[in-house]
C-alpha cells in the first residue's frame, strides 16, 4: 500500500500528554464530586455540553490526531479494529453506536475515548493483550467512558464559558507541541503538575465506574470478564519498575485495589470456557511483524513458531507474512496457497493472500481473487483497498481511481483513502481529481487553508461549461471556509 509522509518523532508524545491535560483540566474542577451515580435522563450535563457540542469537539480532536501522529494504513488491521469495536459497541450502553476509530502507529500500550465518539487505539495494544478478551477489556472500558459521558459530566459544574477556553487550550497545546517539541511540553509542565494531582482524585471514581460498566459489556458480548483483570496484571508487571510508564497508565492509573476489584467483579459472573479468537491471533501477528526489528528477524521468529507448533495456522500466517516482507515471495506464496485452500471463506485469509500475491507481482491472480470476493462483499474496505493497490501496481490507474472514488464516498473520514486517491488520480492524468483528493486529505488534518487552495486550483482547471462540477467545488470551498472560521473562533 502507499505510505504517507510521516510526522517527526517528537510528535509521538503529543496525543498522550494532550489527553492527560484535557482530562486533568476537567478533573481539577471535579474534586468535590464524590459519587459515581450513573447519569439519568434529564441530567444537567447536556445543558453545559450538548451531544452536538461533544461531536464538534471530537471532530477537532480527530484532526489534531491526524496532524500530530503517525497512523496505521494497513487496511486489514484497520478493518478488524473497526469491526471489533462496532461489535462491542452493540453490547455497550452507548446510545450512538457509530464511532470514529483511529489506529495509531505506536508500540506503546494505549487507548482513549474522546467526545463525539472518537476512539483511539495504539497498535501496541495488540502486543500487550495476549487474547481477544484482554484486548476487548480495554476497548470496553473506553466505550464506558463514552456511554457515561464522562467528559460532559466532568464539565457539568463549570461555567459554560469554560468550554471554549478548554477547547482553545487543547488547540494551543497541540499546536505548541507539534511545532515546538520539547519546548512546548516544558511551557505547560508547571500547570500540568497541579492539574494532574486533582485529576488523579477525580479519575479513581470514573475509572472504577468505567471498569464495572466495561465488564458488563464484555459479558454481554460473550467475552471473558476476567480478561480485564489479566490485562491489568500484565500491564502492572510490564511497567512495575519503569520510570516512564505508558500514557495509558498515566491517564488510567492502576492500583492493587483496582486490580482486586476487577478480579472480584469478574467472579460474580458464571464461570465458563472462553476460547480465543483466531482472527485476533492473526491481527496480533500482523502487529508483532510490524514492530519487528527487521523482516529477517520476523522470519526467524515465525520459523521457530512453526517448528514448535507445525499445525498452528497463526504461526504459518506469520511466517508467510514475514517472508513476504523479506521479499522471499516464492516461499511466502507457497504457505499462503495452503492457508487459503484450507480456509477459503475466511476474509482475513483472503485479504492477506491477495496482499501477498500483489507483493509477489502476481497481479492477474490477485486481481481475479479480489474481483471474485468483491462480488460477495461489495465495496468491502480491505478488499477494495487491496484491489486498488493491485490495479495501481499493474498500471490500471483509471480502474483504481474508480475503486477509490467509491471508498471515498463510503468512508469520507479515512485519510488513507484520500491519500491513495490523490496518488492514483495523478497517475491516471486526472489533475482535478488530484486537487480534490488532496483538499479532503488536508481538511481531515485541519489544514483548511491548504485544502481551500487545492480546490481553487481544481476550479481553475475545470471547463467553464461544466456547471455542475463548478457548483460542487464552490459549495465545498464555502463549507471549508466556514469550518476555518469556526476553528479560528
Protein backbone atom coordinates (compact mmCIF):
# COMPACT_ATOMS: atom_id res chain seq x y z
CA UNK A 1 0.00 0.00 0.00
CA UNK A 2 1.11 3.61 -0.48
CA UNK A 3 2.82 5.13 2.52
CA UNK A 4 2.13 8.67 3.70
CA UNK A 5 4.83 11.12 4.78
CA UNK A 6 5.45 10.54 8.48
CA UNK A 7 5.45 13.15 11.24
CA UNK A 8 8.62 13.83 13.24
CA UNK A 9 9.15 11.50 16.18
CA UNK A 10 8.82 14.35 18.69
CA UNK A 11 5.14 14.49 17.86
CA UNK A 12 4.52 10.96 19.05
CA UNK A 13 4.08 12.16 22.62
CA UNK A 14 1.56 14.82 21.68
CA UNK A 15 -1.65 12.89 21.97
CA UNK A 16 -0.92 11.21 25.28
CA UNK A 17 0.02 14.43 27.04
CA UNK A 18 -2.81 16.24 25.30
CA UNK A 19 -5.36 13.73 26.54
CA UNK A 20 -3.86 13.82 30.04
CA UNK A 21 -4.04 17.61 30.20
CA UNK A 22 -7.52 17.71 28.74
CA UNK A 23 -8.76 15.29 31.39
CA UNK A 24 -6.67 16.99 34.03
CA UNK A 25 -8.31 20.36 33.46
CA UNK A 26 -11.70 18.71 33.60
CA UNK A 27 -10.70 16.82 36.71
CA UNK A 28 -9.40 19.88 38.51
CA UNK A 29 -12.96 21.17 38.80
CA UNK A 30 -14.34 17.84 39.97
CA UNK A 31 -12.60 17.21 43.27
CA UNK A 32 -15.91 17.85 45.01
CA UNK A 33 -17.65 15.05 43.13
CA UNK A 34 -17.63 12.02 45.44
CA UNK A 35 -20.34 9.81 43.99
CA UNK A 36 -20.30 7.58 40.92
CA UNK A 37 -24.03 7.62 40.15
CA UNK A 38 -24.84 6.90 36.53
CA UNK A 39 -26.33 9.80 34.59
CA UNK A 40 -30.10 9.81 34.46
CA UNK A 41 -32.42 11.10 31.77
CA UNK A 42 -32.57 14.84 32.03
CA UNK A 43 -29.35 15.30 34.00
CA UNK A 44 -27.53 18.60 33.83
CA UNK A 45 -24.59 17.54 31.70
CA UNK A 46 -26.32 18.25 28.39
CA UNK A 47 -27.10 21.79 29.47
CA UNK A 48 -23.39 22.61 29.52
CA UNK A 49 -22.02 20.23 26.88
CA UNK A 50 -24.62 19.04 24.43
CA UNK A 51 -24.07 15.89 22.35
CA UNK A 52 -23.77 18.16 19.30
CA UNK A 53 -21.05 20.17 21.04
CA UNK A 54 -19.25 16.97 22.01
CA UNK A 55 -19.37 15.88 18.37
CA UNK A 56 -17.83 19.20 17.29
CA UNK A 57 -15.04 18.84 19.88
CA UNK A 58 -14.49 15.26 18.72
CA UNK A 59 -14.09 16.30 15.10
CA UNK A 60 -11.50 18.87 16.06
CA UNK A 61 -9.74 16.39 18.29
CA UNK A 62 -9.57 13.84 15.46
CA UNK A 63 -7.97 16.44 13.19
CA UNK A 64 -5.32 17.09 15.84
CA UNK A 65 -4.58 13.37 15.96
CA UNK A 66 -4.20 13.17 12.18
CA UNK A 67 -1.92 16.20 12.08
CA UNK A 68 0.25 15.14 15.02
CA UNK A 69 0.61 11.38 14.99
CA UNK A 70 1.54 8.55 12.71
CA UNK A 71 -1.38 6.28 11.98
CA UNK A 72 -1.60 2.75 10.60
CA UNK A 73 -2.62 2.48 6.95
CA UNK A 74 -2.85 -1.33 6.89
CA UNK A 75 -6.41 -1.88 5.57
CA UNK A 76 -6.66 -5.36 7.13
CA UNK A 77 -5.75 -4.21 10.63
CA UNK A 78 -7.97 -1.14 10.36
CA UNK A 79 -10.91 -3.28 9.25
CA UNK A 80 -10.52 -5.71 12.13
CA UNK A 81 -10.30 -2.93 14.71
CA UNK A 82 -13.34 -1.11 13.33
CA UNK A 83 -15.47 -4.26 13.10
CA UNK A 84 -14.48 -5.46 16.57
CA UNK A 85 -15.22 -2.09 18.18
CA UNK A 86 -18.56 -1.86 16.35
CA UNK A 87 -19.49 -5.31 17.65
CA UNK A 88 -18.56 -4.36 21.23
CA UNK A 89 -20.49 -1.10 20.93
CA UNK A 90 -23.68 -3.07 20.19
CA UNK A 91 -23.38 -4.64 23.63
CA UNK A 92 -22.45 -1.43 25.44
CA UNK A 93 -24.60 1.32 26.93
CA UNK A 94 -23.77 3.72 24.11
CA UNK A 95 -26.82 5.39 22.62
CA UNK A 96 -24.98 6.38 19.43
CA UNK A 97 -23.27 3.26 18.10
CA UNK A 98 -21.45 4.96 15.22
CA UNK A 99 -17.86 5.69 16.26
CA UNK A 100 -14.81 7.30 14.70
CA UNK A 101 -11.88 4.91 15.14
CA UNK A 102 -8.21 5.79 14.65
CA UNK A 103 -5.37 3.26 14.83
CA UNK A 104 -2.13 4.92 15.94
CA UNK A 105 1.30 3.67 14.91
CA UNK A 106 2.92 3.32 18.33
CA UNK A 107 4.24 0.18 20.07
CA UNK A 108 3.19 1.58 23.46
CA UNK A 109 0.03 0.29 25.07
CA UNK A 110 -2.66 2.96 24.96
CA UNK A 111 -6.28 3.58 24.14
CA UNK A 112 -8.51 6.58 24.74
CA UNK A 113 -12.02 7.84 24.17
CA UNK A 114 -12.77 11.45 23.28
CA UNK A 115 -16.05 13.38 22.99
CA UNK A 116 -18.11 12.77 19.91
CA UNK A 117 -17.46 9.03 19.78
CA UNK A 118 -13.76 9.14 18.92
CA UNK A 119 -11.87 6.01 19.95
CA UNK A 120 -8.12 5.87 19.56
CA UNK A 121 -6.03 2.72 19.85
CA UNK A 122 -2.30 2.27 19.70
CA UNK A 123 -1.31 -0.74 17.62
CA UNK A 124 0.92 -1.59 20.58
CA UNK A 125 -2.17 -2.71 22.48
CA UNK A 126 -2.05 -5.90 20.39
CA UNK A 127 1.48 -6.56 21.65
CA UNK A 128 0.39 -6.50 25.29
CA UNK A 129 -3.07 -8.09 25.07
CA UNK A 130 -2.47 -11.85 24.76
CA UNK A 131 -6.00 -12.66 23.60
CA UNK A 132 -9.19 -11.04 22.39
CA UNK A 133 -10.62 -10.94 25.93
CA UNK A 134 -7.77 -8.85 27.30
CA UNK A 135 -7.82 -6.60 24.24
CA UNK A 136 -11.59 -6.15 24.42
CA UNK A 137 -11.47 -5.28 28.11
CA UNK A 138 -9.54 -2.11 27.26
CA UNK A 139 -11.94 -1.19 24.46
CA UNK A 140 -15.00 -1.89 26.63
CA UNK A 141 -13.56 0.38 29.31
CA UNK A 142 -13.16 3.22 26.80
CA UNK A 143 -16.68 2.71 25.46
CA UNK A 144 -17.92 3.03 29.05
CA UNK A 145 -16.27 6.47 29.30
CA UNK A 146 -18.26 7.46 26.21
CA UNK A 147 -21.57 5.91 27.25
CA UNK A 148 -21.46 7.62 30.65
CA UNK A 149 -20.48 10.93 29.04
CA UNK A 150 -17.61 11.41 31.44
CA UNK A 151 -16.38 14.45 29.54
CA UNK A 152 -19.74 16.21 29.84
CA UNK A 153 -20.21 15.14 33.45
CA UNK A 154 -16.75 16.37 34.28
CA UNK A 155 -17.59 19.84 33.00
CA UNK A 156 -21.12 19.96 34.40
CA UNK A 157 -20.25 22.07 37.42
CA UNK A 158 -18.17 24.53 35.44
CA UNK A 159 -19.47 27.69 33.91
CA UNK A 160 -20.43 27.35 30.27
CA UNK A 161 -17.69 29.80 29.37
CA UNK A 162 -15.12 27.23 30.42
CA UNK A 163 -15.79 25.08 27.35
CA UNK A 164 -14.39 27.40 24.67
CA UNK A 165 -11.47 28.15 26.97
CA UNK A 166 -10.82 24.44 27.34
CA UNK A 167 -11.11 23.85 23.59
CA UNK A 168 -8.72 26.72 22.99
CA UNK A 169 -6.27 25.29 25.50
CA UNK A 170 -6.37 21.91 23.76
CA UNK A 171 -5.68 23.53 20.40
CA UNK A 172 -2.90 25.71 21.81
CA UNK A 173 -1.22 22.76 23.46
CA UNK A 174 -1.45 20.69 20.28
CA UNK A 175 -0.01 23.49 18.15
CA UNK A 176 2.76 24.19 20.62
CA UNK A 177 3.70 20.55 20.92
CA UNK A 178 3.69 19.77 17.23
CA UNK A 179 5.60 22.93 16.38
CA UNK A 180 7.92 23.19 19.32
CA UNK A 181 8.54 19.63 20.52
CA UNK A 182 10.13 19.60 23.97
CA UNK A 183 9.79 23.35 24.29
CA UNK A 184 6.03 23.03 24.02
CA UNK A 185 5.95 20.39 26.73
CA UNK A 186 8.16 22.47 29.04
CA UNK A 187 5.92 25.50 28.65
CA UNK A 188 2.94 23.67 30.15
CA UNK A 189 4.68 21.42 32.67
CA UNK A 190 4.03 23.67 35.67
CA UNK A 191 0.27 23.87 35.18
CA UNK A 192 0.15 20.17 34.31
CA UNK A 193 1.60 19.06 37.66
CA UNK A 194 -1.06 20.94 39.63
CA UNK A 195 -3.93 19.83 37.41
CA UNK A 196 -2.71 16.23 37.36
CA UNK A 197 -2.94 15.97 41.14
CA UNK A 198 -6.59 16.98 41.05
CA UNK A 199 -7.24 14.74 38.06
CA UNK A 200 -5.97 11.66 39.90
CA UNK A 201 -8.51 12.27 42.66
CA UNK A 202 -11.23 12.71 40.09
CA UNK A 203 -10.19 9.76 37.98
CA UNK A 204 -10.47 6.99 40.53
CA UNK A 205 -14.26 7.17 40.71
CA UNK A 206 -14.68 7.49 36.96
CA UNK A 207 -12.18 4.71 36.24
CA UNK A 208 -13.94 2.38 38.67
CA UNK A 209 -17.25 3.19 37.02
CA UNK A 210 -15.83 2.54 33.55
CA UNK A 211 -14.29 -0.74 34.71
CA UNK A 212 -17.60 -2.06 36.04
CA UNK A 213 -19.63 -0.98 33.03
CA UNK A 214 -16.93 -2.36 30.76
CA UNK A 215 -17.21 -5.74 32.48
CA UNK A 216 -20.92 -5.80 31.71
CA UNK A 217 -20.14 -5.04 28.07
CA UNK A 218 -17.70 -7.96 27.93
CA UNK A 219 -20.21 -10.38 29.40
CA UNK A 220 -22.99 -9.16 27.07
CA UNK A 221 -20.63 -9.73 24.14
CA UNK A 222 -19.85 -13.28 25.38
CA UNK A 223 -16.26 -12.35 26.23
CA UNK A 224 -14.34 -13.33 29.36
CA UNK A 225 -14.83 -10.71 32.11
CA UNK A 226 -11.62 -11.96 33.75
CA UNK A 227 -9.77 -10.59 30.73
CA UNK A 228 -9.79 -7.17 32.40
CA UNK A 229 -8.00 -8.47 35.50
CA UNK A 230 -5.45 -10.31 33.36
CA UNK A 231 -4.81 -7.20 31.26
CA UNK A 232 -4.33 -5.04 34.35
CA UNK A 233 -1.90 -7.54 35.88
CA UNK A 234 0.03 -7.85 32.62
CA UNK A 235 0.50 -4.09 32.37
CA UNK A 236 1.35 -3.85 36.05
CA UNK A 237 4.09 -6.46 35.67
CA UNK A 238 5.44 -4.90 32.49
CA UNK A 239 5.78 -1.43 33.99
CA UNK A 240 6.20 -2.12 37.71
CA UNK A 241 9.79 -0.85 37.74
CA UNK A 242 9.56 1.53 34.81
CA UNK A 243 10.46 5.17 35.45
CA UNK A 244 8.37 6.20 32.45
CA UNK A 245 5.05 4.33 32.29
CA UNK A 246 3.00 4.42 29.08
CA UNK A 247 0.37 7.08 28.53
CA UNK A 248 -2.39 4.57 29.27
CA UNK A 249 -1.17 4.19 32.85
CA UNK A 250 -0.85 7.96 33.22
CA UNK A 251 -4.43 8.59 32.15
CA UNK A 252 -5.78 5.31 33.62
CA UNK A 253 -3.75 4.85 36.83
CA UNK A 254 -3.62 1.29 38.13
CA UNK A 255 -3.58 0.26 41.77
CA UNK A 256 -3.74 -3.03 43.63
CA UNK A 257 -7.23 -2.06 44.76
CA UNK A 258 -8.39 -1.55 41.18
CA UNK A 259 -6.93 -4.89 40.08
CA UNK A 260 -8.53 -6.64 43.06
CA UNK A 261 -11.86 -5.00 42.26
CA UNK A 262 -11.67 -6.27 38.66
CA UNK A 263 -10.97 -9.77 39.97
CA UNK A 264 -13.88 -9.62 42.45
CA UNK A 265 -16.31 -8.26 39.89
CA UNK A 266 -15.40 -10.98 37.37
CA UNK A 267 -16.08 -13.69 39.98
CA UNK A 268 -19.70 -12.57 40.17
CA UNK A 269 -20.34 -13.89 36.67
CA UNK A 270 -20.81 -17.62 35.91
CA UNK A 271 -17.61 -19.46 35.06
CA UNK A 272 -17.33 -20.82 31.53
CA UNK A 273 -14.72 -21.51 28.88
CA UNK A 274 -13.96 -18.58 26.62
CA UNK A 275 -11.91 -19.59 23.56
CA UNK A 276 -9.58 -17.07 21.98
CA UNK A 277 -10.48 -15.56 18.62
CA UNK A 278 -8.45 -16.93 15.66
CA UNK A 279 -8.93 -13.60 13.90
CA UNK A 280 -7.48 -11.70 16.85
CA UNK A 281 -4.46 -14.00 16.83
CA UNK A 282 -3.88 -13.17 13.15
CA UNK A 283 -4.10 -9.42 13.79
CA UNK A 284 -1.76 -9.69 16.77
CA UNK A 285 0.68 -11.43 14.44
CA UNK A 286 0.47 -8.53 11.99
CA UNK A 287 1.23 -6.11 14.82
CA UNK A 288 4.21 -8.17 16.00
CA UNK A 289 5.65 -8.26 12.48
CA UNK A 290 5.02 -4.54 12.02
CA UNK A 291 7.23 -3.78 15.03
CA UNK A 292 9.83 -6.48 14.39
CA UNK A 293 13.44 -5.24 14.32
CA UNK A 294 13.66 -6.32 10.67
CA UNK A 295 11.82 -8.59 8.23
CA UNK A 296 14.59 -11.15 8.69
CA UNK A 297 14.11 -11.09 12.46
CA UNK A 298 10.39 -11.68 11.94
CA UNK A 299 11.16 -14.62 9.65
CA UNK A 300 13.36 -16.17 12.33
CA UNK A 301 10.66 -15.67 14.97
CA UNK A 302 7.95 -17.38 12.94
CA UNK A 303 10.16 -20.13 11.59
CA UNK A 304 10.70 -21.11 15.21
CA UNK A 305 6.96 -20.76 15.94
CA UNK A 306 6.14 -23.12 13.05
CA UNK A 307 8.82 -25.57 14.16
CA UNK A 308 7.43 -25.57 17.70
CA UNK A 309 3.82 -25.90 16.54
CA UNK A 310 3.58 -27.08 12.91
CA UNK A 311 -0.24 -27.18 13.00
CA UNK A 312 -0.63 -23.55 14.10
CA UNK A 313 -2.37 -21.52 11.39
CA UNK A 314 -1.34 -18.36 13.21
CA UNK A 315 2.35 -19.32 13.07
CA UNK A 316 2.04 -20.22 9.38
CA UNK A 317 0.27 -16.94 8.66
CA UNK A 318 3.03 -15.06 10.47
CA UNK A 319 5.77 -16.87 8.57
CA UNK A 320 4.12 -16.18 5.20
CA UNK A 321 3.73 -12.51 6.05
CA UNK A 322 7.30 -12.21 7.34
CA UNK A 323 8.73 -13.96 4.27
CA UNK A 324 6.83 -11.56 2.02
CA UNK A 325 8.19 -8.56 3.95
CA UNK A 326 11.67 -10.06 3.48
CA UNK A 327 10.94 -10.34 -0.26
CA UNK A 328 11.11 -14.14 -0.18
CA UNK A 329 7.94 -14.24 -2.23
CA UNK A 330 8.10 -17.80 -3.56
CA UNK A 331 8.22 -19.29 -0.05
CA UNK A 332 5.57 -16.84 1.19
CA UNK A 333 3.12 -17.76 -1.59
CA UNK A 334 3.70 -21.49 -1.05
CA UNK A 335 2.49 -21.15 2.56
CA UNK A 336 -0.33 -18.76 1.66
CA UNK A 337 -1.62 -21.15 -1.02
CA UNK A 338 -2.12 -23.83 1.63
CA UNK A 339 -3.75 -21.48 4.15
CA UNK A 340 -6.18 -20.11 1.60
CA UNK A 341 -7.07 -23.57 0.22
CA UNK A 342 -7.87 -24.81 3.73
CA UNK A 343 -9.95 -21.74 4.69
CA UNK A 344 -11.33 -20.08 1.54
CA UNK A 345 -14.20 -18.44 3.46
CA UNK A 346 -12.10 -16.56 6.00
CA UNK A 347 -11.99 -12.96 4.82
CA UNK A 348 -8.78 -12.19 6.72
CA UNK A 349 -7.00 -15.08 4.97
CA UNK A 350 -8.37 -13.99 1.59
CA UNK A 351 -7.19 -10.42 2.17
CA UNK A 352 -3.72 -11.50 3.21
CA UNK A 353 -3.46 -13.92 0.29
CA UNK A 354 -4.30 -11.14 -2.17
CA UNK A 355 -1.82 -8.85 -0.43
CA UNK A 356 0.98 -11.41 -0.76
CA UNK A 357 0.13 -12.16 -4.39
CA UNK A 358 0.35 -8.47 -5.28
CA UNK A 359 3.65 -8.11 -3.39
CA UNK A 360 4.98 -11.07 -5.39
CA UNK A 361 3.99 -9.43 -8.68
CA UNK A 362 1.22 -11.96 -9.40
CA UNK A 363 -1.16 -9.20 -10.38
CA UNK A 364 -3.60 -11.16 -12.53
CA UNK A 365 -4.05 -13.89 -9.94
CA UNK A 366 -4.58 -11.34 -7.16
CA UNK A 367 -6.99 -9.32 -9.30
CA UNK A 368 -9.08 -12.38 -10.11
CA UNK A 369 -9.22 -13.38 -6.45
CA UNK A 370 -10.23 -9.90 -5.30
CA UNK A 371 -12.86 -9.48 -8.01
CA UNK A 372 -14.42 -12.80 -7.04
CA UNK A 373 -14.72 -11.85 -3.37
CA UNK A 374 -15.82 -8.30 -4.05
CA UNK A 375 -18.87 -9.81 -5.78
CA UNK A 376 -19.65 -11.47 -2.44
CA UNK A 377 -18.65 -8.45 -0.32
CA UNK A 378 -19.24 -5.35 -2.48
CA UNK A 379 -17.06 -2.36 -1.54
CA UNK A 380 -15.62 -4.21 1.44
CA UNK A 381 -12.92 -1.83 2.78
CA UNK A 382 -9.83 -4.08 2.92
CA UNK A 383 -10.71 -5.96 -0.27
CA UNK A 384 -11.34 -2.66 -2.08
CA UNK A 385 -8.14 -1.02 -0.87
CA UNK A 386 -6.10 -4.09 -1.79
CA UNK A 387 -7.86 -4.21 -5.17
CA UNK A 388 -7.00 -0.54 -5.82
CA UNK A 389 -3.41 -1.22 -4.78
CA UNK A 390 -3.23 -4.19 -7.16
CA UNK A 391 -4.70 -2.19 -10.03
CA UNK A 392 -2.21 0.62 -9.36
CA UNK A 393 0.75 -1.73 -9.37
CA UNK A 394 -0.44 -3.28 -12.64
CA UNK A 395 -0.86 0.15 -14.27
CA UNK A 396 -4.68 0.13 -14.42
CA UNK A 397 -4.95 3.64 -12.99
CA UNK A 398 -8.48 4.69 -14.12
CA UNK A 399 -9.95 1.48 -12.65
CA UNK A 400 -8.05 2.03 -9.40
CA UNK A 401 -9.35 5.60 -9.28
CA UNK A 402 -12.94 4.36 -9.66
CA UNK A 403 -12.50 1.90 -6.78
CA UNK A 404 -11.05 4.59 -4.51
CA UNK A 405 -13.76 7.07 -5.51
CA UNK A 406 -16.36 4.62 -4.21
CA UNK A 407 -14.40 4.11 -1.00
CA UNK A 408 -14.12 7.88 -0.52
CA UNK A 409 -17.89 8.19 -0.80
CA UNK A 410 -18.39 5.44 1.77
CA UNK A 411 -15.51 6.41 4.08
CA UNK A 412 -15.11 10.20 3.79
CA UNK A 413 -13.16 10.42 7.06
CA UNK A 414 -10.49 7.89 6.07
CA UNK A 415 -7.27 9.81 5.39
CA UNK A 416 -5.66 6.79 3.72
CA UNK A 417 -8.38 6.63 1.07
CA UNK A 418 -7.87 10.29 0.15
CA UNK A 419 -4.08 9.96 0.11
CA UNK A 420 -4.18 6.94 -2.20
CA UNK A 421 -6.85 8.57 -4.37
CA UNK A 422 -4.68 11.66 -4.89
CA UNK A 423 -1.74 9.46 -5.87
CA UNK A 424 -3.64 7.29 -8.35
CA UNK A 425 -5.54 10.26 -9.84
CA UNK A 426 -2.21 11.79 -10.72
CA UNK A 427 -1.11 8.58 -12.44
CA UNK A 428 -4.44 8.46 -14.28
CA UNK A 429 -3.91 12.02 -15.55
CA UNK A 430 -6.88 13.37 -13.60
CA UNK A 431 -5.33 16.58 -12.22
CA UNK A 432 -8.66 17.94 -10.99
CA UNK A 433 -9.13 14.70 -9.09
CA UNK A 434 -5.67 15.09 -7.56
CA UNK A 435 -6.52 18.51 -6.17
CA UNK A 436 -9.94 17.43 -4.88
CA UNK A 437 -8.50 14.42 -3.08
CA UNK A 438 -5.64 16.43 -1.61
CA UNK A 439 -8.14 19.02 -0.41
CA UNK A 440 -10.05 16.40 1.56
CA UNK A 441 -6.81 14.92 2.91
CA UNK A 442 -5.69 18.30 4.23
CA UNK A 443 -9.16 19.12 5.57
CA UNK A 444 -9.06 15.96 7.69
CA UNK A 445 -5.80 17.29 9.17
CA UNK A 446 -7.38 20.66 9.96
CA UNK A 447 -5.22 22.37 7.30
CA UNK A 448 -8.17 24.27 5.85
CA UNK A 449 -6.08 26.89 4.07
CA UNK A 450 -4.23 24.29 2.03
CA UNK A 451 -7.47 22.41 1.37
CA UNK A 452 -9.14 25.54 0.00
CA UNK A 453 -6.08 26.30 -2.10
CA UNK A 454 -6.26 22.90 -3.79
CA UNK A 455 -9.97 23.32 -4.55
CA UNK A 456 -9.31 26.73 -6.07
CA UNK A 457 -6.62 25.13 -8.26
CA UNK A 458 -9.15 22.49 -9.30
CA UNK A 459 -11.79 25.10 -10.08
CA UNK A 460 -9.46 26.93 -12.47
CA UNK A 461 -8.81 23.67 -14.35
CA UNK A 462 -12.48 22.73 -14.81
CA UNK A 463 -14.12 23.54 -18.15
CA UNK A 464 -16.39 26.61 -17.68
CA UNK A 465 -19.19 24.63 -19.29
CA UNK A 466 -19.15 22.04 -16.51
CA UNK A 467 -21.62 23.94 -14.36
CA UNK A 468 -22.38 21.03 -12.04
CA UNK A 469 -18.75 20.45 -11.06
CA UNK A 470 -18.17 24.18 -10.60
CA UNK A 471 -21.15 24.28 -8.24
CA UNK A 472 -19.80 21.33 -6.24
CA UNK A 473 -16.38 22.94 -5.93
CA UNK A 474 -17.86 26.31 -4.94
CA UNK A 475 -20.00 24.68 -2.28
CA UNK A 476 -17.10 22.70 -0.85
CA UNK A 477 -14.90 25.81 -0.76
CA UNK A 478 -17.68 27.63 1.08
CA UNK A 479 -18.05 24.77 3.57
CA UNK A 480 -14.32 24.69 4.28
CA UNK A 481 -14.20 28.45 4.80
CA UNK A 482 -16.97 28.07 7.35
CA UNK A 483 -15.05 25.31 9.11
CA UNK A 484 -11.95 27.52 9.09
CA UNK A 485 -13.85 30.41 10.71
CA UNK A 486 -15.23 28.08 13.37
CA UNK A 487 -11.77 26.66 14.07
CA UNK A 488 -10.34 30.18 14.42
CA UNK A 489 -13.14 31.50 16.61
